[in-house]
Amino acid sequence: MKKLCETVGFLVFVQGAAGLLHEWFDWFRFFSVVRRVPFIGDHSLFVCIVLVVTGVAIMIASDSVKE
C-alpha cells in the first residue's frame, strides 16, 4: 500500500510539474493532462500548482502508511 501511495503521489506531482512547464515554457505539450480537461479553462495554472502540492502531500503522507 505504501508503494501505491508513493507512486500515485509521484504521478500527480509529475502531471502538475508538466502542466507548469507547459504553461510557462510551452514544453511537454503532449504529456500534460491538465490542458486536455475542458472545464478547467483559464484556471490551468492554479490546477497545476494544486497538483504539485497534492502530489508532495501524498508522498509525505505515504510514510505514515504501514506495510
N, C-alpha and C. Protein backbone atom coordinates (compact mmCIF):
# COMPACT_ATOMS: atom_id res chain seq x y z
N MET A 1 0.82 -1.19 0.00
CA MET A 1 0.00 0.00 0.00
C MET A 1 0.87 1.26 0.00
N LYS A 2 2.00 1.18 0.69
CA LYS A 2 2.89 2.33 0.76
C LYS A 2 3.45 2.67 -0.63
N LYS A 3 3.86 1.65 -1.36
CA LYS A 3 4.39 1.87 -2.71
C LYS A 3 3.33 2.44 -3.64
N LEU A 4 2.09 2.00 -3.49
CA LEU A 4 0.99 2.52 -4.30
C LEU A 4 0.78 4.00 -4.03
N CYS A 5 0.78 4.38 -2.75
CA CYS A 5 0.61 5.80 -2.40
C CYS A 5 1.77 6.64 -2.93
N GLU A 6 2.99 6.12 -2.82
CA GLU A 6 4.14 6.85 -3.34
C GLU A 6 4.06 7.00 -4.86
N THR A 7 3.62 5.97 -5.54
CA THR A 7 3.50 6.02 -7.00
C THR A 7 2.42 7.01 -7.43
N VAL A 8 1.28 6.97 -6.77
CA VAL A 8 0.20 7.91 -7.10
C VAL A 8 0.64 9.34 -6.82
N GLY A 9 1.30 9.56 -5.70
CA GLY A 9 1.80 10.89 -5.38
C GLY A 9 2.81 11.39 -6.40
N PHE A 10 3.68 10.50 -6.83
CA PHE A 10 4.67 10.88 -7.84
C PHE A 10 4.01 11.22 -9.17
N LEU A 11 3.02 10.42 -9.58
CA LEU A 11 2.34 10.68 -10.84
C LEU A 11 1.56 12.00 -10.80
N VAL A 12 0.92 12.29 -9.68
CA VAL A 12 0.20 13.56 -9.53
C VAL A 12 1.19 14.72 -9.57
N PHE A 13 2.32 14.56 -8.89
CA PHE A 13 3.35 15.60 -8.90
C PHE A 13 3.89 15.85 -10.30
N VAL A 14 4.16 14.78 -11.03
CA VAL A 14 4.70 14.91 -12.39
C VAL A 14 3.70 15.59 -13.31
N GLN A 15 2.42 15.25 -13.18
CA GLN A 15 1.41 15.90 -14.01
C GLN A 15 1.33 17.40 -13.71
N GLY A 16 1.42 17.76 -12.44
CA GLY A 16 1.41 19.18 -12.10
C GLY A 16 2.65 19.91 -12.60
N ALA A 17 3.81 19.27 -12.46
CA ALA A 17 5.05 19.89 -12.93
C ALA A 17 5.06 20.01 -14.45
N ALA A 18 4.56 19.00 -15.15
CA ALA A 18 4.50 19.07 -16.61
C ALA A 18 3.53 20.15 -17.05
N GLY A 19 2.43 20.31 -16.33
CA GLY A 19 1.49 21.37 -16.65
C GLY A 19 2.10 22.75 -16.44
N LEU A 20 2.87 22.89 -15.36
CA LEU A 20 3.53 24.18 -15.13
C LEU A 20 4.57 24.48 -16.20
N LEU A 21 5.33 23.47 -16.58
CA LEU A 21 6.31 23.68 -17.65
C LEU A 21 5.62 24.02 -18.97
N HIS A 22 4.46 23.44 -19.21
CA HIS A 22 3.72 23.77 -20.42
C HIS A 22 3.18 25.19 -20.36
N GLU A 23 2.71 25.62 -19.20
CA GLU A 23 2.17 26.97 -19.07
C GLU A 23 3.27 28.02 -19.21
N TRP A 24 4.42 27.76 -18.60
CA TRP A 24 5.47 28.77 -18.57
C TRP A 24 6.34 28.77 -19.81
N PHE A 25 6.72 27.59 -20.30
CA PHE A 25 7.70 27.50 -21.38
C PHE A 25 7.17 26.83 -22.65
N ASP A 26 5.92 26.39 -22.64
CA ASP A 26 5.30 25.70 -23.75
C ASP A 26 6.00 24.37 -24.06
N TRP A 27 6.48 23.70 -23.00
CA TRP A 27 7.08 22.38 -23.11
C TRP A 27 6.04 21.34 -22.73
N PHE A 28 6.33 20.08 -22.98
CA PHE A 28 5.50 18.94 -22.60
C PHE A 28 4.06 19.11 -23.07
N ARG A 29 3.91 19.49 -24.28
CA ARG A 29 2.60 19.74 -24.85
C ARG A 29 1.72 18.49 -24.84
N PHE A 30 2.30 17.33 -25.08
CA PHE A 30 1.51 16.11 -25.18
C PHE A 30 1.46 15.32 -23.88
N PHE A 31 2.24 15.72 -22.89
CA PHE A 31 2.35 14.96 -21.65
C PHE A 31 1.38 15.44 -20.58
N SER A 32 1.01 16.68 -20.62
CA SER A 32 0.18 17.26 -19.57
C SER A 32 -1.29 16.91 -19.79
N VAL A 33 -1.92 16.38 -18.77
CA VAL A 33 -3.33 16.01 -18.84
C VAL A 33 -4.22 17.22 -18.54
N VAL A 34 -3.70 18.17 -17.81
CA VAL A 34 -4.49 19.32 -17.36
C VAL A 34 -5.04 20.11 -18.54
N ARG A 35 -4.26 20.28 -19.56
CA ARG A 35 -4.72 21.09 -20.69
C ARG A 35 -5.78 20.40 -21.53
N ARG A 36 -5.98 19.10 -21.32
CA ARG A 36 -6.98 18.35 -22.09
C ARG A 36 -8.33 18.29 -21.40
N VAL A 37 -8.43 18.75 -20.17
CA VAL A 37 -9.69 18.74 -19.44
C VAL A 37 -10.44 20.02 -19.79
N PRO A 38 -11.62 19.91 -20.40
CA PRO A 38 -12.27 21.11 -20.94
C PRO A 38 -12.83 22.07 -19.91
N PHE A 39 -13.26 21.60 -18.74
CA PHE A 39 -13.91 22.50 -17.80
C PHE A 39 -12.94 23.32 -16.95
N ILE A 40 -11.65 23.08 -17.08
CA ILE A 40 -10.66 23.86 -16.32
C ILE A 40 -10.54 25.26 -16.89
N GLY A 41 -10.49 25.36 -18.19
CA GLY A 41 -10.48 26.66 -18.86
C GLY A 41 -9.26 27.50 -18.54
N ASP A 42 -9.49 28.67 -18.00
CA ASP A 42 -8.41 29.62 -17.71
C ASP A 42 -7.72 29.36 -16.37
N HIS A 43 -8.15 28.35 -15.65
CA HIS A 43 -7.60 28.09 -14.32
C HIS A 43 -6.52 27.02 -14.33
N SER A 44 -5.91 26.76 -15.46
CA SER A 44 -4.97 25.64 -15.55
C SER A 44 -3.70 25.86 -14.73
N LEU A 45 -3.26 27.09 -14.59
CA LEU A 45 -2.07 27.37 -13.77
C LEU A 45 -2.36 27.03 -12.31
N PHE A 46 -3.51 27.45 -11.81
CA PHE A 46 -3.88 27.15 -10.43
C PHE A 46 -4.02 25.65 -10.22
N VAL A 47 -4.61 24.95 -11.17
CA VAL A 47 -4.79 23.50 -11.06
C VAL A 47 -3.44 22.79 -11.04
N CYS A 48 -2.50 23.25 -11.83
CA CYS A 48 -1.16 22.65 -11.85
C CYS A 48 -0.45 22.84 -10.52
N ILE A 49 -0.59 24.02 -9.93
CA ILE A 49 0.02 24.27 -8.62
C ILE A 49 -0.62 23.36 -7.57
N VAL A 50 -1.92 23.22 -7.62
CA VAL A 50 -2.62 22.34 -6.68
C VAL A 50 -2.17 20.89 -6.86
N LEU A 51 -1.97 20.46 -8.10
CA LEU A 51 -1.49 19.10 -8.35
C LEU A 51 -0.09 18.87 -7.78
N VAL A 52 0.79 19.84 -7.93
CA VAL A 52 2.14 19.71 -7.38
C VAL A 52 2.09 19.59 -5.86
N VAL A 53 1.32 20.46 -5.22
CA VAL A 53 1.22 20.44 -3.76
C VAL A 53 0.56 19.14 -3.28
N THR A 54 -0.48 18.71 -3.98
CA THR A 54 -1.16 17.46 -3.61
C THR A 54 -0.25 16.25 -3.78
N GLY A 55 0.53 16.23 -4.86
CA GLY A 55 1.46 15.13 -5.06
C GLY A 55 2.51 15.05 -3.96
N VAL A 56 3.04 16.20 -3.57
CA VAL A 56 4.02 16.22 -2.47
C VAL A 56 3.36 15.76 -1.17
N ALA A 57 2.14 16.22 -0.91
CA ALA A 57 1.44 15.83 0.31
C ALA A 57 1.15 14.33 0.34
N ILE A 58 0.79 13.75 -0.79
CA ILE A 58 0.54 12.30 -0.84
C ILE A 58 1.83 11.53 -0.60
N MET A 59 2.94 11.99 -1.17
CA MET A 59 4.21 11.29 -0.95
C MET A 59 4.66 11.40 0.49
N ILE A 60 4.43 12.55 1.12
CA ILE A 60 4.79 12.69 2.53
C ILE A 60 3.89 11.84 3.40
N ALA A 61 2.58 11.81 3.08
CA ALA A 61 1.64 11.03 3.88
C ALA A 61 1.86 9.54 3.72
N SER A 62 2.47 9.12 2.64
CA SER A 62 2.69 7.68 2.44
C SER A 62 3.70 7.12 3.44
N ASP A 63 4.48 7.98 4.07
CA ASP A 63 5.41 7.50 5.09
C ASP A 63 4.69 6.99 6.33
N SER A 64 3.48 7.50 6.59
CA SER A 64 2.76 7.07 7.77
C SER A 64 1.94 5.81 7.53
N VAL A 65 1.85 5.35 6.28
CA VAL A 65 1.11 4.13 5.97
C VAL A 65 1.98 2.93 6.32
N LYS A 66 1.40 1.99 7.04
CA LYS A 66 2.15 0.79 7.41
C LYS A 66 2.01 -0.24 6.29
N GLU A 67 2.98 -1.06 6.20
CA GLU A 67 3.01 -2.12 5.15
C GLU A 67 1.88 -3.08 5.29
